[in-house]
Amino acid sequence: MIGLAIHTSSPELGLACRDLAQGTQRSQVWPLGRDLTAYLHECLIEFLSPYAWSEVAYIAVAKGPGGFTGTRIGVVVARTLAQQLQIPLFGVSSLAAIAQYHQLTATLAPEQLDPIAVSLRAQRGEIFGAIYQAQPPVVAPELPEALYSEADWEAKLNHWPTPYQLIAAEGGLAPTVEGVLSLAQHQWHMGDRPDWSSVLPFYGQHPVR
């Protein structure tokens, strides 16, 4: 059995899977851009091999924030697959996935890392921001994700009581699908089995207003 993670909240497609019996995992990124809809299913089939759909124990998806169209496509595909396969679906914050990926790839042990502040540019000059505490095995939110004006986000950082490391995400989020998988795997291990219907895309703001 495997866990499967999908990330489409940026112009690339990121997929990751973990063999639950062997503990091995792999990931891959495709720079699909506007061709995401046309090639997503093909990439899923290619990446899943040699496993069968019947061997997928759960699915995890980056639910945003991120690009409006890509996020919507990824969540819709993940919801459809989880419903058809009758398996749990984990919706993971794109910001949390960035922080978790940073923790996974850091050279220091998690307990040696400063809190991780993550920012992601939104529309109309606003910023999605959150701060996470690095800790094994997964990061924990200290400042929940929210939409800020640039001034308000700067004020949050300037008044944060402890040192932190800032990750300003500008794109290329697909590799953080490993963070999506890691956070979902932890929830799975803890016994969480969320229904597909509980996962909705998080846009944070309307595409037009």
Protein backbone atom coordinates (compact mmCIF):
# COMPACT_ATOMS: atom_id res chain seq x y z
CA MET A 1 0.00 0.00 0.00
CA ILE A 2 1.13 3.55 -0.70
CA GLY A 3 0.32 7.16 0.16
CA LEU A 4 0.07 9.54 -2.81
CA ALA A 5 0.52 13.33 -2.70
CA ILE A 6 -0.44 15.89 -5.37
CA HIS A 7 0.72 19.52 -5.62
CA THR A 8 -0.68 21.80 -8.33
CA SER A 9 -0.77 25.17 -6.52
CA SER A 10 2.05 26.57 -8.66
CA PRO A 11 2.71 26.28 -12.43
CA GLU A 12 4.45 22.92 -11.98
CA LEU A 13 2.95 19.56 -11.08
CA GLY A 14 4.50 17.78 -8.12
CA LEU A 15 3.76 14.15 -7.21
CA ALA A 16 5.13 12.07 -4.35
CA CYS A 17 4.39 8.59 -3.03
CA ARG A 18 5.43 6.55 -0.03
CA ASP A 19 5.43 2.77 0.24
CA LEU A 20 3.82 2.25 3.63
CA ALA A 21 5.32 -1.20 4.13
CA GLN A 22 8.90 -0.49 3.07
CA GLY A 23 9.06 3.17 4.16
CA THR A 24 10.58 4.23 0.84
CA GLN A 25 9.37 7.24 -1.10
CA ARG A 26 9.99 9.17 -4.30
CA SER A 27 8.83 12.36 -5.93
CA GLN A 28 8.84 13.99 -9.35
CA VAL A 29 8.10 17.44 -10.81
CA TRP A 30 6.72 18.33 -14.24
CA PRO A 31 6.84 21.97 -15.58
CA LEU A 32 3.38 21.72 -17.16
CA GLY A 33 2.18 25.30 -16.77
CA ARG A 34 -1.01 25.79 -18.78
CA ASP A 35 -0.88 22.15 -19.92
CA LEU A 36 -1.68 20.89 -16.41
CA THR A 37 -5.22 19.84 -17.25
CA ALA A 38 -4.16 18.05 -20.43
CA TYR A 39 -1.36 15.99 -18.89
CA LEU A 40 -2.19 15.58 -15.19
CA HIS A 41 -3.92 12.23 -15.61
CA GLU A 42 -1.15 10.92 -17.86
CA CYS A 43 1.51 11.96 -15.34
CA LEU A 44 -0.42 10.32 -12.51
CA ILE A 45 -0.61 7.00 -14.36
CA GLU A 46 3.09 7.14 -15.28
CA PHE A 47 4.18 8.08 -11.77
CA LEU A 48 2.01 5.51 -10.00
CA SER A 49 3.58 2.56 -11.85
CA PRO A 50 4.31 -0.15 -10.82
CA TYR A 51 1.58 0.28 -8.20
CA ALA A 52 -2.11 -0.11 -8.98
CA TRP A 53 -4.84 2.30 -7.91
CA SER A 54 -6.12 -0.42 -5.57
CA GLU A 55 -2.85 -0.13 -3.63
CA VAL A 56 -3.33 3.56 -2.78
CA ALA A 57 -4.21 3.80 0.93
CA TYR A 58 -4.67 7.57 1.06
CA ILE A 59 -4.24 10.70 -1.03
CA ALA A 60 -2.92 14.09 0.09
CA VAL A 61 -3.26 17.34 -1.85
CA ALA A 62 -1.93 20.87 -1.48
CA LYS A 63 -5.16 22.82 -0.96
CA GLY A 64 -3.65 26.29 -1.31
CA PRO A 65 -3.03 29.11 -1.08
CA GLY A 66 -1.55 29.36 -4.53
CA GLY A 67 -2.63 29.78 -8.12
CA PHE A 68 -6.41 29.78 -8.40
CA THR A 69 -6.81 27.46 -11.41
CA GLY A 70 -4.03 25.02 -10.50
CA THR A 71 -5.21 24.70 -6.90
CA ARG A 72 -8.78 24.07 -8.02
CA ILE A 73 -7.73 21.39 -10.52
CA GLY A 74 -5.56 19.55 -8.00
CA VAL A 75 -8.21 19.51 -5.29
CA VAL A 76 -10.96 18.43 -7.69
CA VAL A 77 -8.83 15.55 -9.03
CA ALA A 78 -7.82 14.46 -5.52
CA ARG A 79 -11.41 14.59 -4.27
CA THR A 80 -12.64 12.56 -7.26
CA LEU A 81 -9.96 9.90 -6.85
CA ALA A 82 -10.50 9.59 -3.09
CA GLN A 83 -14.25 9.31 -3.56
CA GLN A 84 -13.98 6.68 -6.27
CA LEU A 85 -11.34 4.67 -4.39
CA GLN A 86 -13.15 5.15 -1.06
CA ILE A 87 -9.96 6.19 0.74
CA PRO A 88 -9.04 9.11 3.03
CA LEU A 89 -8.05 12.48 1.58
CA PHE A 90 -5.77 14.90 3.44
CA GLY A 91 -5.87 18.58 2.51
CA VAL A 92 -2.55 20.23 3.37
CA SER A 93 -1.79 23.95 3.48
CA SER A 94 0.71 25.00 0.81
CA LEU A 95 2.46 27.18 3.41
CA ALA A 96 2.71 24.31 5.89
CA ALA A 97 4.12 22.11 3.11
CA ILE A 98 6.83 24.72 2.43
CA ALA A 99 7.79 24.82 6.11
CA GLN A 100 7.75 21.02 6.41
CA TYR A 101 9.87 20.63 3.25
CA HIS A 102 12.36 23.14 4.66
CA GLN A 103 12.57 21.12 7.86
CA LEU A 104 13.03 17.87 5.92
CA THR A 105 15.87 19.27 3.81
CA ALA A 106 17.62 21.35 6.50
CA THR A 107 21.12 20.35 7.57
CA LEU A 108 20.29 21.05 11.22
CA ALA A 109 18.10 18.87 13.41
CA PRO A 110 14.52 20.23 13.74
CA GLU A 111 15.02 21.16 17.40
CA GLN A 112 17.97 23.36 16.37
CA LEU A 113 15.99 25.35 13.80
CA ASP A 114 14.42 28.74 14.47
CA PRO A 115 10.70 29.18 13.81
CA ILE A 116 9.95 29.18 10.07
CA ALA A 117 8.10 32.22 8.71
CA VAL A 118 6.60 31.54 5.28
CA SER A 119 5.25 34.21 2.95
CA LEU A 120 3.62 33.85 -0.45
CA ARG A 121 2.62 36.71 -2.73
CA ALA A 122 -1.12 37.03 -3.30
CA GLN A 123 -3.05 39.31 -5.63
CA ARG A 124 -3.42 43.07 -5.21
CA GLY A 125 -0.14 43.40 -3.32
CA GLU A 126 -1.24 41.25 -0.40
CA ILE A 127 0.68 38.41 1.23
CA PHE A 128 -0.24 35.01 2.63
CA GLY A 129 1.81 34.50 5.76
CA ALA A 130 2.26 31.99 8.58
CA ILE A 131 4.90 31.03 11.14
CA TYR A 132 5.68 27.44 12.11
CA GLN A 133 7.66 25.92 14.94
CA ALA A 134 10.20 23.41 13.68
CA GLN A 135 9.92 20.17 15.63
CA PRO A 136 10.14 16.45 14.88
CA PRO A 137 8.44 14.89 13.10
CA VAL A 138 6.32 17.74 11.69
CA VAL A 139 6.15 21.53 11.99
CA ALA A 140 3.46 23.09 14.18
CA PRO A 141 1.72 26.41 13.45
CA GLU A 142 2.60 29.24 15.81
CA LEU A 143 0.93 31.94 13.70
CA PRO A 144 -1.89 30.41 11.60
CA GLU A 145 -1.91 31.25 7.91
CA ALA A 146 -3.80 34.38 6.96
CA LEU A 147 -3.93 37.07 4.30
CA TYR A 148 -2.08 40.27 5.19
CA SER A 149 -1.30 43.63 3.66
CA GLU A 150 2.44 44.08 3.20
CA ALA A 151 2.50 46.53 6.11
CA ASP A 152 0.63 44.18 8.45
CA TRP A 153 2.89 41.22 7.57
CA GLU A 154 6.01 43.31 8.15
CA ALA A 155 4.57 44.41 11.49
CA LYS A 156 3.94 40.76 12.49
CA LEU A 157 7.54 39.86 11.69
CA ASN A 158 9.01 42.95 13.32
CA HIS A 159 7.17 42.23 16.57
CA TRP A 160 7.76 38.47 16.62
CA PRO A 161 9.31 37.74 20.02
CA THR A 162 11.95 35.22 18.93
CA PRO A 163 14.45 34.84 16.06
CA TYR A 164 12.98 33.25 12.93
CA GLN A 165 13.99 32.26 9.44
CA LEU A 166 11.96 33.75 6.60
CA ILE A 167 11.08 31.81 3.46
CA ALA A 168 9.61 34.08 0.80
CA ALA A 169 8.08 31.66 -1.69
CA GLU A 170 8.08 33.13 -5.19
CA GLY A 171 7.11 30.06 -7.20
CA GLY A 172 8.48 26.62 -7.90
CA LEU A 173 6.44 25.11 -5.08
CA ALA A 174 6.03 21.66 -6.66
CA PRO A 175 9.07 20.07 -4.90
CA THR A 176 7.34 20.81 -1.58
CA VAL A 177 4.94 18.00 -2.46
CA GLU A 178 7.32 16.04 -0.21
CA GLY A 179 6.16 18.29 2.62
CA VAL A 180 2.53 17.57 1.69
CA LEU A 181 3.23 13.84 1.84
CA SER A 182 5.16 14.08 5.11
CA LEU A 183 2.42 16.02 6.91
CA ALA A 184 -0.27 13.67 5.62
CA GLN A 185 1.76 10.60 6.53
CA HIS A 186 2.03 11.87 10.11
CA GLN A 187 -1.75 12.35 10.31
CA TRP A 188 -2.27 8.89 8.83
CA HIS A 189 0.10 7.39 11.39
CA MET A 190 -1.83 9.17 14.17
CA GLY A 191 -5.04 7.50 13.00
CA ASP A 192 -6.70 10.35 11.10
CA ARG A 193 -8.89 9.21 8.21
CA PRO A 194 -10.54 12.35 6.76
CA ASP A 195 -13.33 11.97 4.23
CA TRP A 196 -12.80 13.37 0.73
CA SER A 197 -15.74 15.75 1.19
CA SER A 198 -13.92 17.61 4.00
CA VAL A 199 -11.20 18.94 1.69
CA LEU A 200 -11.86 22.22 -0.08
CA PRO A 201 -9.46 24.54 -1.91
CA PHE A 202 -8.21 27.52 0.09
CA TYR A 203 -7.95 30.57 -2.17
CA GLY A 204 -7.79 33.18 0.58
CA GLN A 205 -9.12 35.85 -1.75
CA HIS A 206 -11.36 35.98 -4.80
CA PRO A 207 -9.57 35.93 -8.19
CA VAL A 208 -11.47 39.09 -9.15
CA ARG A 209 -13.24 41.68 -7.11
